[in-house]
Structures are given as structure tokens and as C-alpha cells.
Amino acid sequence: MKRITVLLADDNAVVRKAFKKILEIEDDLEVVGEAKDGIQAVAMAKKLHPALVLMDVTMPLLNGLQAACQIREAVPATKVLMLSAHGDEAYIEAAVNSGAMGYLIKHTSADCVCQAIREVHKGNTFFSPTIPKRLHKRKKMR
């Protein structure tokens, strides 16, 4: 079975480590790198070509929204799944407009995170269950 390679990008080391532990349990998911800010996430995506970047919206130096745009341009095959403590519409719409194919609220269950990664990897969108359906609309990806 080919594993889905994931780059984790979050400025909080505890959050990165927690998500890494969650993903390491799964046979089909592999964490290939960890970035602590948006600039590092873009550089690592260019170098590693992960299948997916699980990225926090709010990070220093370059936020997740800006990093998502740069990653989608530099590595079009890499999909972006946003992760945030913010569940308000403005953040979700900005994430979708940046090219993210999904949006998870940080208190989402571990099973939901893994399901989201798999769905986005397939080319589907995925949003935390608490996000209203009307916000799931997105532009057609490249």
C-alpha cells in the first residue's frame, strides 16, 4: 500500500507532536516533515513534495493562507488541508480562496483528521462537521 505523505505545519510544537502521534498510528499515513512557520512550510513542500500539507492558519513570518497559495503554485500536486482554532466564516472562506481543499477545527477528533487527510488526498473537499454546509463551496482546483 502506498502511504499518503503529510507535512505538518503549525507554530506550536506540542500541536505538531500530537498530530504526528495521531498519524503515526495509521498504516497508510506518513509524516515526512514538520514546519514551525509558513516560510518553512513552503520550503519543505518544495523539497519534499508531500501529498498533503496539514497546516495551521495562523503562523508567524508567513501565515497559513499565504503559505497555501505559494505551495499550490510551487507544488500543484500537493494538497492543502487547513487546521485552525478559528471556526468563523472569514477564516474558512479565506482558506478556501487560498486553495485549501478542507478546513478542520483543532478540536476535531483524531479519526476525523485521518478521514479528512484521506478524502482530500483523493481530491475531495473535507470540512469539520461543525462547519455549516454553505461554507463548503470552493473554486475548481487546478
Protein backbone atom coordinates (compact mmCIF):
# COMPACT_ATOMS: atom_id res chain seq x y z
CA MET A 1 0.00 0.00 0.00
CA LYS A 2 1.32 3.41 -0.94
CA ARG A 3 1.34 5.76 2.03
CA ILE A 4 -0.04 9.30 1.96
CA THR A 5 2.86 11.61 2.79
CA VAL A 6 1.99 14.50 5.08
CA LEU A 7 3.85 17.67 6.02
CA LEU A 8 2.70 19.14 9.34
CA ALA A 9 2.86 22.93 9.67
CA ASP A 10 2.00 24.57 12.98
CA ASP A 11 3.91 27.05 15.11
CA ASN A 12 3.02 25.13 18.27
CA ALA A 13 5.44 22.23 18.78
CA VAL A 14 3.01 20.43 21.10
CA VAL A 15 0.30 20.51 18.44
CA ARG A 16 2.71 19.21 15.78
CA LYS A 17 3.84 16.37 18.02
CA ALA A 18 0.24 15.44 18.89
CA PHE A 19 -0.79 15.28 15.24
CA LYS A 20 2.35 13.33 14.40
CA LYS A 21 1.45 10.72 17.04
CA ILE A 22 -2.11 10.52 15.70
CA LEU A 23 -0.91 9.98 12.13
CA GLU A 24 1.88 7.52 13.02
CA ILE A 25 -0.74 5.04 14.25
CA GLU A 26 -2.26 4.82 10.76
CA ASP A 27 -0.73 2.34 8.30
CA ASP A 28 -1.49 4.49 5.25
CA LEU A 29 -0.28 7.89 6.57
CA GLU A 30 3.33 9.03 6.90
CA VAL A 31 4.60 12.30 8.36
CA VAL A 32 7.57 13.35 6.22
CA GLY A 33 8.30 16.69 7.85
CA GLU A 34 7.32 19.35 10.35
CA ALA A 35 7.35 23.11 9.80
CA LYS A 36 7.08 25.76 12.51
CA ASP A 37 6.09 28.68 10.27
CA GLY A 38 4.76 29.42 6.80
CA ILE A 39 8.13 30.12 5.23
CA GLN A 40 9.47 26.79 6.43
CA ALA A 41 6.28 25.04 5.23
CA VAL A 42 6.70 26.40 1.70
CA ALA A 43 10.40 25.47 1.59
CA MET A 44 9.75 21.97 2.90
CA ALA A 45 6.84 21.41 0.50
CA LYS A 46 9.10 22.37 -2.42
CA LYS A 47 11.81 19.99 -1.19
CA LEU A 48 9.71 17.02 -0.02
CA HIS A 49 6.72 17.15 -2.41
CA PRO A 50 4.31 15.71 0.17
CA ALA A 51 0.92 14.50 -0.97
CA LEU A 52 -0.69 16.82 1.59
CA VAL A 53 0.16 19.66 3.95
CA LEU A 54 -1.84 19.83 7.18
CA MET A 55 -1.36 23.49 8.04
CA ASP A 56 -2.39 25.93 10.75
CA VAL A 57 -3.98 29.14 9.51
CA THR A 58 -2.20 31.46 11.93
CA MET A 59 1.58 31.09 11.95
CA PRO A 60 4.45 33.57 12.20
CA LEU A 61 6.50 35.01 9.32
CA LEU A 62 4.06 33.79 6.67
CA ASN A 63 0.56 32.74 7.68
CA GLY A 64 -1.02 29.50 6.54
CA LEU A 65 -3.23 31.21 3.97
CA GLN A 66 -0.28 32.87 2.24
CA ALA A 67 1.77 29.68 2.51
CA ALA A 68 -1.08 27.66 0.97
CA CYS A 69 -1.13 29.95 -2.07
CA GLN A 70 2.62 29.60 -2.51
CA ILE A 71 2.55 25.83 -2.06
CA ARG A 72 -0.30 25.39 -4.55
CA GLU A 73 1.67 27.44 -7.08
CA ALA A 74 5.07 25.80 -6.50
CA VAL A 75 3.91 22.22 -5.96
CA PRO A 76 0.48 21.90 -7.62
CA ALA A 77 0.16 18.17 -6.86
CA THR A 78 0.39 18.85 -3.11
CA LYS A 79 -2.99 19.34 -1.50
CA VAL A 80 -3.55 21.65 1.47
CA LEU A 81 -5.79 20.91 4.44
CA MET A 82 -6.15 23.82 6.86
CA LEU A 83 -6.26 23.41 10.59
CA SER A 84 -7.32 26.16 12.95
CA ALA A 85 -8.75 27.10 16.31
CA HIS A 86 -10.82 29.67 14.38
CA GLY A 87 -14.17 28.49 13.08
CA ASP A 88 -15.60 31.77 11.84
CA GLU A 89 -16.65 32.24 8.23
CA ALA A 90 -13.95 34.74 7.28
CA TYR A 91 -11.15 32.27 8.05
CA ILE A 92 -12.89 29.40 6.28
CA GLU A 93 -13.61 31.44 3.16
CA ALA A 94 -10.04 32.77 3.11
CA ALA A 95 -8.70 29.21 3.39
CA VAL A 96 -10.86 28.01 0.51
CA ASN A 97 -9.82 31.02 -1.57
CA SER A 98 -6.15 30.24 -0.84
CA GLY A 99 -6.55 26.83 -2.44
CA ALA A 100 -7.14 24.69 0.65
CA MET A 101 -9.34 21.69 -0.05
CA GLY A 102 -10.51 21.36 3.52
CA TYR A 103 -10.73 23.02 6.89
CA LEU A 104 -10.56 21.39 10.30
CA ILE A 105 -11.22 22.93 13.68
CA LYS A 106 -8.43 21.90 16.09
CA HIS A 107 -10.80 20.16 18.49
CA THR A 108 -11.78 17.73 15.72
CA SER A 109 -11.41 14.05 16.66
CA ALA A 110 -8.34 12.06 15.60
CA ASP A 111 -10.48 9.80 13.41
CA CYS A 112 -11.92 12.85 11.65
CA VAL A 113 -8.44 14.24 10.96
CA CYS A 114 -7.34 10.97 9.37
CA GLN A 115 -10.55 10.76 7.35
CA ALA A 116 -10.03 14.36 6.18
CA ILE A 117 -6.48 13.61 5.02
CA ARG A 118 -7.67 10.59 3.05
CA GLU A 119 -10.57 12.46 1.43
CA VAL A 120 -8.50 15.49 0.47
CA HIS A 121 -5.79 13.20 -0.89
CA LYS A 122 -8.45 11.67 -3.18
CA GLY A 123 -9.30 15.16 -4.45
CA ASN A 124 -12.43 15.66 -2.36
CA THR A 125 -13.13 18.54 -0.03
CA PHE A 126 -13.48 17.95 3.70
CA PHE A 127 -14.67 20.24 6.47
CA SER A 128 -15.10 19.72 10.19
CA PRO A 129 -18.65 18.57 10.88
CA THR A 130 -19.34 21.77 12.83
CA ILE A 131 -18.77 23.97 9.76
CA PRO A 132 -22.02 24.91 8.01
CA LYS A 133 -22.56 23.22 4.64
CA ARG A 134 -22.90 26.57 2.84
CA LEU A 135 -19.23 27.28 3.51
CA HIS A 136 -18.10 24.11 1.73
CA LYS A 137 -18.31 25.69 -1.72
CA ARG A 138 -14.96 26.21 -3.38
CA LYS A 139 -13.43 27.12 -6.70
CA LYS A 140 -12.44 24.31 -9.04
CA MET A 141 -8.83 23.33 -8.27
CA ARG A 142 -6.18 23.18 -10.98
